[in-house]
């Protein structure tokens, strides 16, 4: 049996690719995604270079089914994870995120304030935009107070009004 079509290898490949896709899409860690791909290629080359067992050492194995032979598991699972991640990063941020950005506006620099205005240009703040803004705030070494909130409409409107007045 081809070692790369073995179910264990296919599941492992699917898991690592899924992790890489998640890192790339949700966390914008494309370098780590590239390293995962390079590691998978190296692993595949290593596994394929090992000698086959022959004769008595080899167990009788039934050939893998179509799903394993075609690599659908190794490719299909990361594709499903990518679809999930794309949906996840496009969701609107919650009310607490809006309140946190709103309370941080007076103390952040103008560069971050401009990024917030650009993110709110369409009237909403996605969870991805919120993560990027918070990363900028942390990078600028600004301390932000996070206050929980439940009223999404109210917090969104409050942030929009504050941005219009500045």
C-alpha atoms as a PDB file:
ATOM      1  CA  UNK A   1       0.000   0.000   0.000  1.00  0.00           C
ATOM      2  CA  UNK A   2       1.236   3.481  -0.797  1.00  0.00           C
ATOM      3  CA  UNK A   3       2.360   4.972   2.510  1.00  0.00           C
ATOM      4  CA  UNK A   4       1.014   8.430   1.688  1.00  0.00           C
ATOM      5  CA  UNK A   5      -2.474   7.004   1.191  1.00  0.00           C
ATOM      6  CA  UNK A   6      -2.476   5.269   4.551  1.00  0.00           C
ATOM      7  CA  UNK A   7      -5.429   6.461   6.698  1.00  0.00           C
ATOM      8  CA  UNK A   8      -3.219   7.437   9.640  1.00  0.00           C
ATOM      9  CA  UNK A   9      -1.045   9.631   7.431  1.00  0.00           C
ATOM     10  CA  UNK A  10      -4.129  11.162   5.785  1.00  0.00           C
ATOM     11  CA  UNK A  11      -5.663  12.020   9.169  1.00  0.00           C
ATOM     12  CA  UNK A  12      -2.403  13.478  10.410  1.00  0.00           C
ATOM     13  CA  UNK A  13      -2.015  15.538   7.260  1.00  0.00           C
ATOM     14  CA  UNK A  14      -5.603  16.770   7.587  1.00  0.00           C
ATOM     15  CA  UNK A  15      -5.047  17.777  11.215  1.00  0.00           C
ATOM     16  CA  UNK A  16      -1.813  19.668  10.518  1.00  0.00           C
ATOM     17  CA  UNK A  17      -3.200  21.402   7.448  1.00  0.00           C
ATOM     18  CA  UNK A  18      -6.289  22.387   9.430  1.00  0.00           C
ATOM     19  CA  UNK A  19      -4.094  23.923  12.137  1.00  0.00           C
ATOM     20  CA  UNK A  20      -2.140  25.775   9.481  1.00  0.00           C
ATOM     21  CA  UNK A  21      -5.287  27.055   7.809  1.00  0.00           C
ATOM     22  CA  UNK A  22      -6.646  28.227  11.163  1.00  0.00           C
ATOM     23  CA  UNK A  23      -3.403  30.046  11.983  1.00  0.00           C
ATOM     24  CA  UNK A  24      -3.303  31.627   8.556  1.00  0.00           C
ATOM     25  CA  UNK A  25      -6.884  32.827   8.337  1.00  0.00           C
ATOM     26  CA  UNK A  26      -7.878  33.641  11.906  1.00  0.00           C
ATOM     27  CA  UNK A  27      -4.550  34.766  13.369  1.00  0.00           C
ATOM     28  CA  UNK A  28      -2.897  36.068  10.187  1.00  0.00           C
ATOM     29  CA  UNK A  29       0.108  33.870  10.925  1.00  0.00           C
ATOM     30  CA  UNK A  30       1.008  33.063   7.321  1.00  0.00           C
ATOM     31  CA  UNK A  31       4.635  32.343   8.190  1.00  0.00           C
ATOM     32  CA  UNK A  32       3.549  29.565  10.566  1.00  0.00           C
ATOM     33  CA  UNK A  33       1.193  28.252   7.880  1.00  0.00           C
ATOM     34  CA  UNK A  34       4.145  28.082   5.465  1.00  0.00           C
ATOM     35  CA  UNK A  35       6.228  26.253   8.059  1.00  0.00           C
ATOM     36  CA  UNK A  36       3.424  23.721   8.558  1.00  0.00           C
ATOM     37  CA  UNK A  37       3.306  23.087   4.795  1.00  0.00           C
ATOM     38  CA  UNK A  38       7.101  22.667   4.632  1.00  0.00           C
ATOM     39  CA  UNK A  39       6.985  20.257   7.593  1.00  0.00           C
ATOM     40  CA  UNK A  40       4.251  18.213   5.902  1.00  0.00           C
ATOM     41  CA  UNK A  41       6.237  17.991   2.676  1.00  0.00           C
ATOM     42  CA  UNK A  42       9.311  16.898   4.638  1.00  0.00           C
ATOM     43  CA  UNK A  43       7.282  14.303   6.519  1.00  0.00           C
ATOM     44  CA  UNK A  44       5.820  12.940   3.280  1.00  0.00           C
ATOM     45  CA  UNK A  45       9.282  12.652   1.726  1.00  0.00           C
ATOM     46  CA  UNK A  46      10.624  10.931   4.847  1.00  0.00           C
ATOM     47  CA  UNK A  47       7.757   8.438   4.996  1.00  0.00           C
ATOM     48  CA  UNK A  48       8.000   7.631   1.306  1.00  0.00           C
ATOM     49  CA  UNK A  49      11.771   7.090   1.513  1.00  0.00           C
ATOM     50  CA  UNK A  50      11.515   4.375   4.168  1.00  0.00           C
ATOM     51  CA  UNK A  51      11.876   0.831   2.803  1.00  0.00           C
ATOM     52  CA  UNK A  52       8.791  -1.365   2.412  1.00  0.00           C
ATOM     53  CA  UNK A  53       8.409  -4.418   4.629  1.00  0.00           C
ATOM     54  CA  UNK A  54       8.538  -7.631   2.650  1.00  0.00           C
ATOM     55  CA  UNK A  55       7.625 -11.245   3.175  1.00  0.00           C
ATOM     56  CA  UNK A  56       6.772 -12.400   6.694  1.00  0.00           C
ATOM     57  CA  UNK A  57       7.307  -8.953   8.263  1.00  0.00           C
ATOM     58  CA  UNK A  58       4.475  -7.475   6.272  1.00  0.00           C
ATOM     59  CA  UNK A  59       0.925  -7.878   7.530  1.00  0.00           C
ATOM     60  CA  UNK A  60      -1.807  -8.472   5.032  1.00  0.00           C
ATOM     61  CA  UNK A  61      -3.540  -5.120   4.694  1.00  0.00           C
ATOM     62  CA  UNK A  62      -6.652  -4.485   2.722  1.00  0.00           C
ATOM     63  CA  UNK A  63      -6.355  -1.632   0.261  1.00  0.00           C
ATOM     64  CA  UNK A  64      -7.765   1.694   1.425  1.00  0.00           C
ATOM     65  CA  UNK A  65     -11.164   2.810   0.225  1.00  0.00           C
ATOM     66  CA  UNK A  66     -11.774   5.532  -2.334  1.00  0.00           C
ATOM     67  CA  UNK A  67     -11.903   8.332   0.243  1.00  0.00           C
ATOM     68  CA  UNK A  68      -8.424   7.463   1.528  1.00  0.00           C
ATOM     69  CA  UNK A  69      -6.934   6.683  -1.911  1.00  0.00           C
ATOM     70  CA  UNK A  70      -8.064   9.974  -3.409  1.00  0.00           C
ATOM     71  CA  UNK A  71      -6.818  12.043  -0.483  1.00  0.00           C
ATOM     72  CA  UNK A  72     -10.251  13.518   0.240  1.00  0.00           C
ATOM     73  CA  UNK A  73      -9.622  13.416   3.976  1.00  0.00           C
ATOM     74  CA  UNK A  74      -6.257  15.155   3.692  1.00  0.00           C
ATOM     75  CA  UNK A  75      -7.677  17.915   1.508  1.00  0.00           C
ATOM     76  CA  UNK A  76     -11.364  17.962   2.495  1.00  0.00           C
ATOM     77  CA  UNK A  77     -10.910  18.566   6.216  1.00  0.00           C
ATOM     78  CA  UNK A  78      -8.651  21.640   5.773  1.00  0.00           C
ATOM     79  CA  UNK A  79     -11.089  23.029   3.197  1.00  0.00           C
ATOM     80  CA  UNK A  80     -13.944  22.672   5.706  1.00  0.00           C
ATOM     81  CA  UNK A  81     -11.806  24.340   8.390  1.00  0.00           C
ATOM     82  CA  UNK A  82     -11.001  27.177   5.963  1.00  0.00           C
ATOM     83  CA  UNK A  83     -14.708  27.728   5.267  1.00  0.00           C
ATOM     84  CA  UNK A  84     -15.436  27.762   8.995  1.00  0.00           C
ATOM     85  CA  UNK A  85     -12.577  30.218   9.651  1.00  0.00           C
ATOM     86  CA  UNK A  86     -13.721  32.559   6.892  1.00  0.00           C
ATOM     87  CA  UNK A  87     -17.192  32.618   8.425  1.00  0.00           C
ATOM     88  CA  UNK A  88     -15.688  33.131  11.883  1.00  0.00           C
ATOM     89  CA  UNK A  89     -13.529  36.128  10.959  1.00  0.00           C
ATOM     90  CA  UNK A  90     -16.350  37.867   9.105  1.00  0.00           C
ATOM     91  CA  UNK A  91     -18.740  37.833  12.064  1.00  0.00           C
ATOM     92  CA  UNK A  92     -19.518  41.141  13.686  1.00  0.00           C
ATOM     93  CA  UNK A  93     -17.721  41.928  16.910  1.00  0.00           C
ATOM     94  CA  UNK A  94     -19.732  41.763  20.115  1.00  0.00           C
ATOM     95  CA  UNK A  95     -20.930  44.662  22.261  1.00  0.00           C
ATOM     96  CA  UNK A  96     -17.968  44.382  24.621  1.00  0.00           C
ATOM     97  CA  UNK A  97     -15.597  44.880  21.681  1.00  0.00           C
ATOM     98  CA  UNK A  98     -17.404  48.061  20.645  1.00  0.00           C
ATOM     99  CA  UNK A  99     -17.311  49.401  24.208  1.00  0.00           C
ATOM    100  CA  UNK A 100     -13.611  48.555  24.568  1.00  0.00           C
ATOM    101  CA  UNK A 101     -12.745  50.414  21.363  1.00  0.00           C
ATOM    102  CA  UNK A 102     -14.942  53.325  22.446  1.00  0.00           C
ATOM    103  CA  UNK A 103     -13.264  53.648  25.856  1.00  0.00           C
ATOM    104  CA  UNK A 104      -9.800  53.437  24.291  1.00  0.00           C
ATOM    105  CA  UNK A 105     -10.383  56.228  21.738  1.00  0.00           C
ATOM    106  CA  UNK A 106      -9.312  59.125  23.994  1.00  0.00           C
ATOM    107  CA  UNK A 107      -5.959  57.527  24.842  1.00  0.00           C
ATOM    108  CA  UNK A 108      -4.830  55.973  21.534  1.00  0.00           C
ATOM    109  CA  UNK A 109      -2.685  57.765  18.981  1.00  0.00           C
ATOM    110  CA  UNK A 110      -4.036  59.207  15.733  1.00  0.00           C
ATOM    111  CA  UNK A 111      -2.765  56.298  13.641  1.00  0.00           C
ATOM    112  CA  UNK A 112      -4.885  53.822  15.609  1.00  0.00           C
ATOM    113  CA  UNK A 113      -7.808  56.250  15.609  1.00  0.00           C
ATOM    114  CA  UNK A 114      -7.611  56.364  11.785  1.00  0.00           C
ATOM    115  CA  UNK A 115      -7.534  52.559  11.627  1.00  0.00           C
ATOM    116  CA  UNK A 116     -10.677  52.468  13.794  1.00  0.00           C
ATOM    117  CA  UNK A 117     -12.394  54.981  11.506  1.00  0.00           C
ATOM    118  CA  UNK A 118     -11.499  52.894   8.440  1.00  0.00           C
ATOM    119  CA  UNK A 119     -12.781  49.741  10.121  1.00  0.00           C
ATOM    120  CA  UNK A 120     -16.065  51.445  11.004  1.00  0.00           C
ATOM    121  CA  UNK A 121     -16.527  52.887   7.488  1.00  0.00           C
ATOM    122  CA  UNK A 122     -19.187  50.288   6.688  1.00  0.00           C
ATOM    123  CA  UNK A 123     -20.928  50.861  10.030  1.00  0.00           C
ATOM    124  CA  UNK A 124     -19.824  47.596  11.623  1.00  0.00           C
ATOM    125  CA  UNK A 125     -16.709  46.148  13.158  1.00  0.00           C
ATOM    126  CA  UNK A 126     -15.853  42.543  12.300  1.00  0.00           C
ATOM    127  CA  UNK A 127     -14.169  40.297  14.819  1.00  0.00           C
ATOM    128  CA  UNK A 128     -11.071  40.262  12.591  1.00  0.00           C
ATOM    129  CA  UNK A 129     -10.929  44.072  12.500  1.00  0.00           C
ATOM    130  CA  UNK A 130     -11.364  44.159  16.271  1.00  0.00           C
ATOM    131  CA  UNK A 131      -8.469  41.715  16.724  1.00  0.00           C
ATOM    132  CA  UNK A 132      -6.246  43.790  14.443  1.00  0.00           C
ATOM    133  CA  UNK A 133      -7.130  47.013  16.293  1.00  0.00           C
ATOM    134  CA  UNK A 134      -6.478  45.428  19.683  1.00  0.00           C
ATOM    135  CA  UNK A 135      -3.114  44.145  18.426  1.00  0.00           C
ATOM    136  CA  UNK A 136      -2.207  47.698  17.393  1.00  0.00           C
ATOM    137  CA  UNK A 137      -3.302  49.034  20.781  1.00  0.00           C
ATOM    138  CA  UNK A 138      -1.237  46.443  22.637  1.00  0.00           C
ATOM    139  CA  UNK A 139       1.730  47.102  20.350  1.00  0.00           C
ATOM    140  CA  UNK A 140       1.517  50.812  21.179  1.00  0.00           C
ATOM    141  CA  UNK A 141       1.701  49.830  24.875  1.00  0.00           C
ATOM    142  CA  UNK A 142      -1.611  51.452  25.730  1.00  0.00           C
ATOM    143  CA  UNK A 143      -3.577  50.050  28.654  1.00  0.00           C
ATOM    144  CA  UNK A 144      -7.223  49.489  27.810  1.00  0.00           C
ATOM    145  CA  UNK A 145     -10.072  48.884  30.212  1.00  0.00           C
ATOM    146  CA  UNK A 146     -12.442  46.172  29.038  1.00  0.00           C
ATOM    147  CA  UNK A 147     -15.978  46.604  30.321  1.00  0.00           C
ATOM    148  CA  UNK A 148     -18.588  43.977  29.489  1.00  0.00           C
ATOM    149  CA  UNK A 149     -21.674  45.061  27.616  1.00  0.00           C
ATOM    150  CA  UNK A 150     -24.713  43.285  26.207  1.00  0.00           C
ATOM    151  CA  UNK A 151     -26.419  45.918  24.036  1.00  0.00           C
ATOM    152  CA  UNK A 152     -24.799  45.623  20.604  1.00  0.00           C
ATOM    153  CA  UNK A 153     -26.924  48.257  18.854  1.00  0.00           C
ATOM    154  CA  UNK A 154     -26.307  50.844  21.561  1.00  0.00           C
ATOM    155  CA  UNK A 155     -22.542  50.292  21.661  1.00  0.00           C
ATOM    156  CA  UNK A 156     -22.227  50.324  17.861  1.00  0.00           C
ATOM    157  CA  UNK A 157     -24.156  53.602  17.666  1.00  0.00           C
ATOM    158  CA  UNK A 158     -22.140  55.121  20.509  1.00  0.00           C
ATOM    159  CA  UNK A 159     -18.844  54.302  18.761  1.00  0.00           C
ATOM    160  CA  UNK A 160     -20.139  55.633  15.452  1.00  0.00           C
ATOM    161  CA  UNK A 161     -21.171  58.920  17.091  1.00  0.00           C
ATOM    162  CA  UNK A 162     -17.826  59.313  18.879  1.00  0.00           C
ATOM    163  CA  UNK A 163     -15.975  58.732  15.612  1.00  0.00           C
ATOM    164  CA  UNK A 164     -18.131  61.325  13.791  1.00  0.00           C
ATOM    165  CA  UNK A 165     -17.392  63.999  16.387  1.00  0.00           C
ATOM    166  CA  UNK A 166     -13.603  63.517  16.240  1.00  0.00           C
END
